[in-house]
Protein backbone atom coordinates (compact mmCIF):
# COMPACT_ATOMS: atom_id res chain seq x y z
CA MET A 1 -25.66 -17.10 -24.20
CA LYS A 2 -24.43 -19.58 -21.58
CA PHE A 3 -21.67 -22.08 -22.06
CA GLU A 4 -19.73 -24.63 -20.06
CA ILE A 5 -16.03 -25.44 -20.19
CA SER A 6 -15.04 -28.95 -19.18
CA PHE A 7 -11.67 -28.32 -17.53
CA ASP A 8 -11.37 -31.96 -16.44
CA SER A 9 -11.27 -33.16 -20.05
CA SER A 10 -8.10 -31.31 -21.10
CA GLU A 11 -5.53 -33.16 -23.18
CA ILE A 12 -1.84 -32.41 -23.65
CA ILE A 13 -1.10 -32.19 -27.36
CA SER A 14 2.30 -30.44 -27.31
CA VAL A 15 5.15 -30.12 -24.80
CA ASP A 16 8.49 -28.25 -24.90
CA LYS A 17 11.25 -29.60 -22.65
CA LYS A 18 14.92 -28.97 -21.95
CA PHE A 19 17.14 -31.97 -21.20
CA LYS A 20 20.62 -31.50 -19.73
CA GLY A 21 23.57 -33.72 -20.53
CA GLN A 22 27.32 -33.97 -20.46
CA LEU A 23 29.94 -35.61 -22.68
CA GLU A 24 32.56 -37.85 -21.11
CA ASN A 25 35.14 -35.10 -21.70
CA GLY A 26 33.13 -32.70 -19.54
CA HIS A 27 31.39 -30.61 -22.22
CA ARG A 28 27.88 -29.85 -20.99
CA PHE A 29 24.90 -29.43 -23.29
CA GLU A 30 21.15 -28.87 -23.34
CA ILE A 31 18.71 -30.50 -25.72
CA LEU A 32 15.72 -28.32 -26.57
CA ALA A 33 13.00 -30.73 -27.67
CA ASN A 34 9.31 -30.80 -28.47
CA TRP A 35 6.74 -33.56 -28.24
CA ASN A 36 3.36 -33.48 -29.92
CA SER A 37 0.65 -36.06 -30.27
CA TRP A 38 1.02 -36.43 -34.04
CA ASP A 39 4.83 -36.50 -34.52
CA ASP A 40 6.24 -37.69 -31.16
CA TRP A 41 9.59 -36.11 -30.13
CA SER A 42 11.70 -33.80 -32.25
CA VAL A 43 14.93 -31.94 -31.44
CA ASP A 44 14.73 -28.18 -31.90
CA ASP A 45 18.35 -27.45 -30.93
CA ILE A 46 21.33 -28.71 -28.97
CA LEU A 47 23.27 -26.00 -27.16
CA PHE A 48 26.79 -26.49 -25.81
CA GLU A 49 28.24 -24.43 -22.98
CA ASN A 50 31.47 -23.90 -24.97
CA ASP A 51 32.47 -24.35 -28.61
CA PHE A 52 34.85 -27.20 -29.45
CA GLU A 53 36.14 -29.05 -32.50
CA GLY A 54 33.69 -31.69 -33.73
CA MET A 55 30.70 -29.99 -32.11
CA ASP A 56 28.42 -30.31 -35.16
CA GLU A 57 29.11 -34.02 -35.50
CA MET A 58 28.46 -34.48 -31.78
CA ARG A 59 25.14 -32.59 -32.11
CA SER A 60 24.05 -35.04 -34.77
CA MET A 61 25.02 -38.05 -32.66
CA ILE A 62 23.25 -36.70 -29.58
CA SER A 63 20.12 -35.92 -31.60
CA ASP A 64 20.05 -39.41 -33.14
CA GLU A 65 20.48 -41.07 -29.73
CA PHE A 66 17.83 -38.86 -28.12
CA LEU A 67 15.26 -39.56 -30.85
CA SER A 68 16.01 -43.28 -30.81
CA GLU A 69 15.51 -43.43 -27.04
CA MET A 70 12.42 -41.22 -26.91
CA ASN A 71 10.60 -42.42 -30.03
CA GLY A 72 11.97 -45.97 -30.16
């Protein structure tokens, strides 16, 4: 049986990306995010280089800002 694959007709339906950032106090972080064609962007995790007080609240703020910017 013969078949043909149309490689020129591919379509991206899902992408994983890592975005780097830094707080004004110097704490660096990475946003691990995913985009797909049915849900747009979502945040999988936000990783900080070092632990600090208020980190969970900052994660939430960064996530909200990222999603607002990317899906807005």
